[in-house]
């Protein structure tokens, strides 16, 4: 796995030093053992990751638009709507007392 990651990184970023590739591959390969909490990015345009989306849900956000509004932004390209909706559904399923009926966007 690590060798494949190194090869992918080196092919994606020409000129990157091999030591950087190896360090990145090590972190990706061992992030759970290292105690790193790496969050998946949900919205690239607004730099919203899982942690930020969770904070919005705790504060009451129940739709993708409400998650972005919680952080003072709005949709840019809109490609994150499905991923954000899936994240919200999972988050609300895990914590049913936070869920409420909301209208679809």
C-alpha atoms as a PDB file:
ATOM      1  CA  UNK A   1       0.000   0.000   0.000  1.00  0.00           C
ATOM      2  CA  UNK A   2       2.711   2.469   0.941  1.00  0.00           C
ATOM      3  CA  UNK A   3       4.657   1.887  -2.272  1.00  0.00           C
ATOM      4  CA  UNK A   4       1.511   2.465  -4.304  1.00  0.00           C
ATOM      5  CA  UNK A   5       0.863   5.744  -2.444  1.00  0.00           C
ATOM      6  CA  UNK A   6       4.436   6.887  -3.070  1.00  0.00           C
ATOM      7  CA  UNK A   7       4.099   6.100  -6.777  1.00  0.00           C
ATOM      8  CA  UNK A   8       0.771   7.946  -7.034  1.00  0.00           C
ATOM      9  CA  UNK A   9       2.157  11.016  -5.252  1.00  0.00           C
ATOM     10  CA  UNK A  10       5.318  11.135  -7.342  1.00  0.00           C
ATOM     11  CA  UNK A  11       3.316  10.822 -10.564  1.00  0.00           C
ATOM     12  CA  UNK A  12       0.815  13.480  -9.462  1.00  0.00           C
ATOM     13  CA  UNK A  13       3.329  16.057  -8.261  1.00  0.00           C
ATOM     14  CA  UNK A  14       6.375  16.149 -10.529  1.00  0.00           C
ATOM     15  CA  UNK A  15       9.572  17.150  -8.784  1.00  0.00           C
ATOM     16  CA  UNK A  16       8.385  16.383  -5.248  1.00  0.00           C
ATOM     17  CA  UNK A  17      11.246  14.980  -3.155  1.00  0.00           C
ATOM     18  CA  UNK A  18      11.051  11.272  -2.428  1.00  0.00           C
ATOM     19  CA  UNK A  19      11.346  11.913   1.329  1.00  0.00           C
ATOM     20  CA  UNK A  20       8.115  13.976   1.256  1.00  0.00           C
ATOM     21  CA  UNK A  21       6.318  11.199  -0.582  1.00  0.00           C
ATOM     22  CA  UNK A  22       7.500   8.618   1.933  1.00  0.00           C
ATOM     23  CA  UNK A  23       6.515  10.786   4.903  1.00  0.00           C
ATOM     24  CA  UNK A  24       3.051  11.453   3.483  1.00  0.00           C
ATOM     25  CA  UNK A  25       2.535   7.769   2.667  1.00  0.00           C
ATOM     26  CA  UNK A  26       3.612   6.846   6.232  1.00  0.00           C
ATOM     27  CA  UNK A  27       1.087   9.267   7.745  1.00  0.00           C
ATOM     28  CA  UNK A  28      -1.745   8.071   5.506  1.00  0.00           C
ATOM     29  CA  UNK A  29      -0.863   4.445   6.182  1.00  0.00           C
ATOM     30  CA  UNK A  30      -0.604   4.882   9.975  1.00  0.00           C
ATOM     31  CA  UNK A  31      -2.854   7.841  10.827  1.00  0.00           C
ATOM     32  CA  UNK A  32      -5.081   5.878  13.214  1.00  0.00           C
ATOM     33  CA  UNK A  33      -2.112   4.406  15.121  1.00  0.00           C
ATOM     34  CA  UNK A  34      -0.507   7.854  15.312  1.00  0.00           C
ATOM     35  CA  UNK A  35      -3.628   9.282  16.932  1.00  0.00           C
ATOM     36  CA  UNK A  36      -4.278  11.680  14.067  1.00  0.00           C
ATOM     37  CA  UNK A  37      -7.887  12.591  13.440  1.00  0.00           C
ATOM     38  CA  UNK A  38      -7.886  13.302   9.726  1.00  0.00           C
ATOM     39  CA  UNK A  39     -11.219  14.707   8.591  1.00  0.00           C
ATOM     40  CA  UNK A  40     -12.598  14.215   5.128  1.00  0.00           C
ATOM     41  CA  UNK A  41     -13.182  17.457   3.268  1.00  0.00           C
ATOM     42  CA  UNK A  42     -16.820  17.721   2.197  1.00  0.00           C
ATOM     43  CA  UNK A  43     -16.837  21.128   0.479  1.00  0.00           C
ATOM     44  CA  UNK A  44     -13.605  22.140  -1.211  1.00  0.00           C
ATOM     45  CA  UNK A  45     -14.850  25.600  -2.257  1.00  0.00           C
ATOM     46  CA  UNK A  46     -15.599  26.628   1.337  1.00  0.00           C
ATOM     47  CA  UNK A  47     -13.081  24.362   3.112  1.00  0.00           C
ATOM     48  CA  UNK A  48     -15.761  22.561   5.135  1.00  0.00           C
ATOM     49  CA  UNK A  49     -14.629  19.216   6.550  1.00  0.00           C
ATOM     50  CA  UNK A  50     -16.424  16.589   8.633  1.00  0.00           C
ATOM     51  CA  UNK A  51     -15.496  18.323  11.885  1.00  0.00           C
ATOM     52  CA  UNK A  52     -16.925  21.660  10.721  1.00  0.00           C
ATOM     53  CA  UNK A  53     -20.095  19.956   9.458  1.00  0.00           C
ATOM     54  CA  UNK A  54     -20.476  18.172  12.820  1.00  0.00           C
ATOM     55  CA  UNK A  55     -20.185  21.491  14.645  1.00  0.00           C
ATOM     56  CA  UNK A  56     -22.969  22.875  12.455  1.00  0.00           C
ATOM     57  CA  UNK A  57     -25.194  19.848  13.165  1.00  0.00           C
ATOM     58  CA  UNK A  58     -24.658  20.262  16.910  1.00  0.00           C
ATOM     59  CA  UNK A  59     -25.637  23.917  16.519  1.00  0.00           C
ATOM     60  CA  UNK A  60     -28.864  22.913  14.746  1.00  0.00           C
ATOM     61  CA  UNK A  61     -28.086  22.666  11.017  1.00  0.00           C
ATOM     62  CA  UNK A  62     -30.381  20.158   9.298  1.00  0.00           C
ATOM     63  CA  UNK A  63     -29.623  20.770   5.606  1.00  0.00           C
ATOM     64  CA  UNK A  64     -26.505  21.258   3.484  1.00  0.00           C
ATOM     65  CA  UNK A  65     -27.375  24.931   3.028  1.00  0.00           C
ATOM     66  CA  UNK A  66     -27.738  25.335   6.815  1.00  0.00           C
ATOM     67  CA  UNK A  67     -24.299  23.773   7.364  1.00  0.00           C
ATOM     68  CA  UNK A  68     -22.726  26.303   5.013  1.00  0.00           C
ATOM     69  CA  UNK A  69     -24.761  29.159   6.497  1.00  0.00           C
ATOM     70  CA  UNK A  70     -23.520  28.186   9.965  1.00  0.00           C
ATOM     71  CA  UNK A  71     -19.994  28.886   8.706  1.00  0.00           C
ATOM     72  CA  UNK A  72     -20.983  32.088   6.914  1.00  0.00           C
ATOM     73  CA  UNK A  73     -20.832  30.760   3.362  1.00  0.00           C
ATOM     74  CA  UNK A  74     -23.057  29.581   0.546  1.00  0.00           C
ATOM     75  CA  UNK A  75     -22.780  27.040  -2.253  1.00  0.00           C
ATOM     76  CA  UNK A  76     -20.241  27.884  -4.910  1.00  0.00           C
ATOM     77  CA  UNK A  77     -20.116  25.011  -7.414  1.00  0.00           C
ATOM     78  CA  UNK A  78     -22.707  22.843  -5.615  1.00  0.00           C
ATOM     79  CA  UNK A  79     -20.827  19.558  -6.113  1.00  0.00           C
ATOM     80  CA  UNK A  80     -20.796  18.959  -2.360  1.00  0.00           C
ATOM     81  CA  UNK A  81     -24.597  18.898  -1.902  1.00  0.00           C
ATOM     82  CA  UNK A  82     -24.919  15.106  -2.156  1.00  0.00           C
ATOM     83  CA  UNK A  83     -21.903  14.374   0.061  1.00  0.00           C
ATOM     84  CA  UNK A  84     -23.051  16.948   2.600  1.00  0.00           C
ATOM     85  CA  UNK A  85     -26.577  15.478   2.578  1.00  0.00           C
ATOM     86  CA  UNK A  86     -25.208  11.963   3.107  1.00  0.00           C
ATOM     87  CA  UNK A  87     -23.022  13.210   5.964  1.00  0.00           C
ATOM     88  CA  UNK A  88     -26.027  14.908   7.583  1.00  0.00           C
ATOM     89  CA  UNK A  89     -28.149  11.780   7.249  1.00  0.00           C
ATOM     90  CA  UNK A  90     -25.438   9.685   8.916  1.00  0.00           C
ATOM     91  CA  UNK A  91     -24.871  12.235  11.665  1.00  0.00           C
ATOM     92  CA  UNK A  92     -28.583  12.515  12.438  1.00  0.00           C
ATOM     93  CA  UNK A  93     -29.034   8.721  12.340  1.00  0.00           C
ATOM     94  CA  UNK A  94     -26.257   8.324  14.918  1.00  0.00           C
ATOM     95  CA  UNK A  95     -27.844  10.884  17.213  1.00  0.00           C
ATOM     96  CA  UNK A  96     -31.649  10.654  16.834  1.00  0.00           C
ATOM     97  CA  UNK A  97     -32.491  13.269  19.479  1.00  0.00           C
ATOM     98  CA  UNK A  98     -30.908  15.903  17.218  1.00  0.00           C
ATOM     99  CA  UNK A  99     -33.051  15.000  14.229  1.00  0.00           C
ATOM    100  CA  UNK A 100     -36.262  16.732  13.289  1.00  0.00           C
ATOM    101  CA  UNK A 101     -38.444  16.777  10.203  1.00  0.00           C
ATOM    102  CA  UNK A 102     -37.145  19.311   7.696  1.00  0.00           C
ATOM    103  CA  UNK A 103     -38.137  20.234   4.186  1.00  0.00           C
ATOM    104  CA  UNK A 104     -35.948  18.997   1.339  1.00  0.00           C
ATOM    105  CA  UNK A 105     -33.851  21.548  -0.547  1.00  0.00           C
END
